[in-house]
């Protein structure tokens, strides 16, 4: 339920401005999600949402986290929570998630600054990870599988 609620939050923030948590909470309720203010605050923090200077509306963060250790810990948590399957094709790694969860996974992979990763492309439930070599792809798949099994 948390993953679906967070995916809904990201979709809502991308659709239009929400200047406060109460507005966001009402829209979530209309979509069938019940969330307390504390839960919503945690979701906003975990998703890395920030307020725009221009109008105070929530948006996705545009910059890299200042602390690389936090970025790697977020990567490990998000992958462990959302990954459902991983496949490798040469230097490409396909990461499968639940519906609406690919974007947070791709963002976490990108922000973690993994040296073997050249970049990601995310759809709704699939992330394409372009890896620098086949050897690195093997290592990444093993790491992702280890994180997914906890």
C-alpha atoms as a PDB file:
ATOM      1  CA  UNK A   1       0.000   0.000   0.000  1.00  0.00           C
ATOM      2  CA  UNK A   2       2.876   2.373   0.806  1.00  0.00           C
ATOM      3  CA  UNK A   3       4.426   1.943  -2.641  1.00  0.00           C
ATOM      4  CA  UNK A   4       1.102   2.620  -4.355  1.00  0.00           C
ATOM      5  CA  UNK A   5       0.461   5.669  -2.169  1.00  0.00           C
ATOM      6  CA  UNK A   6       3.927   7.045  -2.926  1.00  0.00           C
ATOM      7  CA  UNK A   7       3.450   6.423  -6.650  1.00  0.00           C
ATOM      8  CA  UNK A   8       0.136   8.317  -6.414  1.00  0.00           C
ATOM      9  CA  UNK A   9       1.876  11.191  -4.603  1.00  0.00           C
ATOM     10  CA  UNK A  10       4.476  11.457  -7.358  1.00  0.00           C
ATOM     11  CA  UNK A  11       1.778  11.404 -10.030  1.00  0.00           C
ATOM     12  CA  UNK A  12      -0.220  14.092  -8.230  1.00  0.00           C
ATOM     13  CA  UNK A  13       2.814  16.331  -7.735  1.00  0.00           C
ATOM     14  CA  UNK A  14       3.693  15.946 -11.425  1.00  0.00           C
ATOM     15  CA  UNK A  15       0.111  16.832 -12.458  1.00  0.00           C
ATOM     16  CA  UNK A  16      -0.293  20.075 -10.589  1.00  0.00           C
ATOM     17  CA  UNK A  17       0.782  22.291  -7.729  1.00  0.00           C
ATOM     18  CA  UNK A  18       0.228  21.311  -4.101  1.00  0.00           C
ATOM     19  CA  UNK A  19       1.319  24.034  -1.739  1.00  0.00           C
ATOM     20  CA  UNK A  20       0.613  22.185   1.479  1.00  0.00           C
ATOM     21  CA  UNK A  21       0.151  18.689   2.835  1.00  0.00           C
ATOM     22  CA  UNK A  22      -3.562  19.188   3.463  1.00  0.00           C
ATOM     23  CA  UNK A  23      -4.218  19.744  -0.252  1.00  0.00           C
ATOM     24  CA  UNK A  24      -2.216  16.654  -1.102  1.00  0.00           C
ATOM     25  CA  UNK A  25      -3.954  14.655   1.626  1.00  0.00           C
ATOM     26  CA  UNK A  26      -7.402  15.572   0.228  1.00  0.00           C
ATOM     27  CA  UNK A  27      -6.431  14.496  -3.291  1.00  0.00           C
ATOM     28  CA  UNK A  28      -5.009  11.223  -1.989  1.00  0.00           C
ATOM     29  CA  UNK A  29      -8.232  10.581  -0.066  1.00  0.00           C
ATOM     30  CA  UNK A  30     -10.210  11.144  -3.283  1.00  0.00           C
ATOM     31  CA  UNK A  31      -8.059   8.434  -4.875  1.00  0.00           C
ATOM     32  CA  UNK A  32      -8.800   6.034  -2.023  1.00  0.00           C
ATOM     33  CA  UNK A  33      -5.614   6.488   0.026  1.00  0.00           C
ATOM     34  CA  UNK A  34      -5.887   7.335   3.709  1.00  0.00           C
ATOM     35  CA  UNK A  35      -2.743   8.908   5.138  1.00  0.00           C
ATOM     36  CA  UNK A  36      -2.107  10.781   8.359  1.00  0.00           C
ATOM     37  CA  UNK A  37      -0.083  13.980   8.343  1.00  0.00           C
ATOM     38  CA  UNK A  38       2.867  12.083   9.848  1.00  0.00           C
ATOM     39  CA  UNK A  39       2.692   9.418   7.127  1.00  0.00           C
ATOM     40  CA  UNK A  40       2.475  12.066   4.436  1.00  0.00           C
ATOM     41  CA  UNK A  41       5.494  13.882   5.906  1.00  0.00           C
ATOM     42  CA  UNK A  42       7.506  10.647   5.831  1.00  0.00           C
ATOM     43  CA  UNK A  43       6.415   9.965   2.246  1.00  0.00           C
ATOM     44  CA  UNK A  44       7.431  13.468   1.154  1.00  0.00           C
ATOM     45  CA  UNK A  45      10.840  13.027   2.781  1.00  0.00           C
ATOM     46  CA  UNK A  46      11.392   9.527   1.351  1.00  0.00           C
ATOM     47  CA  UNK A  47      10.395  10.652  -2.129  1.00  0.00           C
ATOM     48  CA  UNK A  48      12.763  13.608  -1.893  1.00  0.00           C
ATOM     49  CA  UNK A  49      10.092  16.194  -2.657  1.00  0.00           C
ATOM     50  CA  UNK A  50      11.010  19.823  -2.122  1.00  0.00           C
ATOM     51  CA  UNK A  51       9.118  23.105  -2.249  1.00  0.00           C
ATOM     52  CA  UNK A  52       9.602  25.416  -5.198  1.00  0.00           C
ATOM     53  CA  UNK A  53      10.855  28.868  -4.338  1.00  0.00           C
ATOM     54  CA  UNK A  54       8.516  30.554  -6.827  1.00  0.00           C
ATOM     55  CA  UNK A  55       5.168  29.362  -5.458  1.00  0.00           C
ATOM     56  CA  UNK A  56       5.885  27.011  -2.554  1.00  0.00           C
ATOM     57  CA  UNK A  57       4.440  23.973  -4.362  1.00  0.00           C
ATOM     58  CA  UNK A  58       5.954  20.522  -3.893  1.00  0.00           C
ATOM     59  CA  UNK A  59       8.131  19.185  -6.694  1.00  0.00           C
ATOM     60  CA  UNK A  60      10.634  16.436  -7.268  1.00  0.00           C
ATOM     61  CA  UNK A  61      14.136  17.410  -6.230  1.00  0.00           C
ATOM     62  CA  UNK A  62      16.333  18.408  -9.152  1.00  0.00           C
ATOM     63  CA  UNK A  63      19.698  18.038  -7.507  1.00  0.00           C
ATOM     64  CA  UNK A  64      21.786  15.191  -6.209  1.00  0.00           C
ATOM     65  CA  UNK A  65      21.723  14.479  -2.470  1.00  0.00           C
ATOM     66  CA  UNK A  66      24.577  16.226  -0.679  1.00  0.00           C
ATOM     67  CA  UNK A  67      25.584  13.073   1.207  1.00  0.00           C
ATOM     68  CA  UNK A  68      26.602  10.089  -0.969  1.00  0.00           C
ATOM     69  CA  UNK A  69      26.075   7.697   1.974  1.00  0.00           C
ATOM     70  CA  UNK A  70      22.425   8.786   2.190  1.00  0.00           C
ATOM     71  CA  UNK A  71      22.033   8.275  -1.572  1.00  0.00           C
ATOM     72  CA  UNK A  72      23.417   4.725  -1.367  1.00  0.00           C
ATOM     73  CA  UNK A  73      21.259   3.904   1.671  1.00  0.00           C
ATOM     74  CA  UNK A  74      18.193   5.215  -0.183  1.00  0.00           C
ATOM     75  CA  UNK A  75      19.144   3.124  -3.231  1.00  0.00           C
ATOM     76  CA  UNK A  76      19.418  -0.007  -1.083  1.00  0.00           C
ATOM     77  CA  UNK A  77      16.109   0.644   0.677  1.00  0.00           C
ATOM     78  CA  UNK A  78      14.166   1.482  -2.496  1.00  0.00           C
ATOM     79  CA  UNK A  79      15.530  -1.504  -4.432  1.00  0.00           C
ATOM     80  CA  UNK A  80      14.845  -3.810  -1.509  1.00  0.00           C
ATOM     81  CA  UNK A  81      11.298  -2.523  -1.297  1.00  0.00           C
ATOM     82  CA  UNK A  82      10.258  -2.209  -4.956  1.00  0.00           C
ATOM     83  CA  UNK A  83      12.293  -4.674  -7.038  1.00  0.00           C
ATOM     84  CA  UNK A  84      10.314  -7.705  -8.177  1.00  0.00           C
ATOM     85  CA  UNK A  85      12.670  -9.150 -10.808  1.00  0.00           C
ATOM     86  CA  UNK A  86      15.954  -8.346 -12.515  1.00  0.00           C
ATOM     87  CA  UNK A  87      17.229  -9.571 -15.901  1.00  0.00           C
ATOM     88  CA  UNK A  88      20.480  -8.968 -17.761  1.00  0.00           C
ATOM     89  CA  UNK A  89      20.996  -8.676 -21.519  1.00  0.00           C
ATOM     90  CA  UNK A  90      24.663  -8.019 -22.324  1.00  0.00           C
ATOM     91  CA  UNK A  91      25.403  -4.570 -20.824  1.00  0.00           C
ATOM     92  CA  UNK A  92      21.767  -3.813 -20.090  1.00  0.00           C
ATOM     93  CA  UNK A  93      19.962  -4.620 -16.854  1.00  0.00           C
ATOM     94  CA  UNK A  94      16.159  -4.658 -16.710  1.00  0.00           C
ATOM     95  CA  UNK A  95      14.754  -3.941 -13.275  1.00  0.00           C
ATOM     96  CA  UNK A  96      11.097  -4.898 -12.843  1.00  0.00           C
ATOM     97  CA  UNK A  97       8.932  -3.247 -10.181  1.00  0.00           C
ATOM     98  CA  UNK A  98       5.279  -2.932  -9.329  1.00  0.00           C
ATOM     99  CA  UNK A  99       3.119  -0.460 -11.232  1.00  0.00           C
ATOM    100  CA  UNK A 100       4.223   3.134 -10.719  1.00  0.00           C
ATOM    101  CA  UNK A 101       7.417   2.210  -8.883  1.00  0.00           C
ATOM    102  CA  UNK A 102      10.006   2.397 -11.659  1.00  0.00           C
ATOM    103  CA  UNK A 103      10.600   6.160 -11.365  1.00  0.00           C
ATOM    104  CA  UNK A 104      11.653   6.097  -7.690  1.00  0.00           C
ATOM    105  CA  UNK A 105      13.918   3.106  -8.384  1.00  0.00           C
ATOM    106  CA  UNK A 106      15.585   4.799 -11.374  1.00  0.00           C
ATOM    107  CA  UNK A 107      16.069   8.001  -9.399  1.00  0.00           C
ATOM    108  CA  UNK A 108      17.641   6.073  -6.509  1.00  0.00           C
ATOM    109  CA  UNK A 109      19.984   4.221  -8.890  1.00  0.00           C
ATOM    110  CA  UNK A 110      21.015   7.473 -10.586  1.00  0.00           C
ATOM    111  CA  UNK A 111      21.567   9.322  -7.325  1.00  0.00           C
ATOM    112  CA  UNK A 112      23.565   6.484  -5.757  1.00  0.00           C
ATOM    113  CA  UNK A 113      26.348   7.293  -8.230  1.00  0.00           C
ATOM    114  CA  UNK A 114      27.254   3.657  -8.845  1.00  0.00           C
ATOM    115  CA  UNK A 115      30.441   3.720 -10.948  1.00  0.00           C
ATOM    116  CA  UNK A 116      29.294   0.778 -13.090  1.00  0.00           C
ATOM    117  CA  UNK A 117      26.059   2.548 -14.130  1.00  0.00           C
ATOM    118  CA  UNK A 118      26.055   4.896 -17.116  1.00  0.00           C
ATOM    119  CA  UNK A 119      22.380   5.834 -16.697  1.00  0.00           C
ATOM    120  CA  UNK A 120      18.766   4.727 -16.438  1.00  0.00           C
ATOM    121  CA  UNK A 121      15.513   5.024 -18.339  1.00  0.00           C
ATOM    122  CA  UNK A 122      12.285   4.375 -16.431  1.00  0.00           C
ATOM    123  CA  UNK A 123       8.815   3.457 -17.545  1.00  0.00           C
ATOM    124  CA  UNK A 124       5.911   2.607 -15.265  1.00  0.00           C
ATOM    125  CA  UNK A 125       7.110  -0.757 -13.955  1.00  0.00           C
ATOM    126  CA  UNK A 126      10.468  -1.260 -15.683  1.00  0.00           C
ATOM    127  CA  UNK A 127      13.834   0.448 -15.415  1.00  0.00           C
ATOM    128  CA  UNK A 128      16.459   0.012 -18.114  1.00  0.00           C
ATOM    129  CA  UNK A 129      19.912   0.385 -16.579  1.00  0.00           C
ATOM    130  CA  UNK A 130      22.768   0.929 -19.020  1.00  0.00           C
ATOM    131  CA  UNK A 131      25.907  -0.538 -17.492  1.00  0.00           C
ATOM    132  CA  UNK A 132      29.500   0.121 -18.574  1.00  0.00           C
ATOM    133  CA  UNK A 133      30.477  -3.513 -19.241  1.00  0.00           C
ATOM    134  CA  UNK A 134      29.088  -7.044 -19.169  1.00  0.00           C
ATOM    135  CA  UNK A 135      31.231  -7.791 -16.097  1.00  0.00           C
ATOM    136  CA  UNK A 136      29.736  -4.769 -14.313  1.00  0.00           C
ATOM    137  CA  UNK A 137      26.251  -5.873 -15.381  1.00  0.00           C
ATOM    138  CA  UNK A 138      26.781  -9.254 -13.715  1.00  0.00           C
ATOM    139  CA  UNK A 139      27.943  -7.560 -10.513  1.00  0.00           C
ATOM    140  CA  UNK A 140      24.992  -5.155 -10.535  1.00  0.00           C
ATOM    141  CA  UNK A 141      22.467  -7.963 -11.040  1.00  0.00           C
ATOM    142  CA  UNK A 142      23.953  -9.870  -8.087  1.00  0.00           C
ATOM    143  CA  UNK A 143      23.841  -6.740  -5.918  1.00  0.00           C
ATOM    144  CA  UNK A 144      20.230  -5.983  -6.865  1.00  0.00           C
ATOM    145  CA  UNK A 145      19.144  -9.582  -6.228  1.00  0.00           C
ATOM    146  CA  UNK A 146      20.884  -9.547  -2.836  1.00  0.00           C
ATOM    147  CA  UNK A 147      19.093  -6.305  -1.893  1.00  0.00           C
ATOM    148  CA  UNK A 148      15.733  -7.658  -3.050  1.00  0.00           C
ATOM    149  CA  UNK A 149      15.983 -10.768  -0.918  1.00  0.00           C
ATOM    150  CA  UNK A 150      17.044  -8.749   2.112  1.00  0.00           C
END
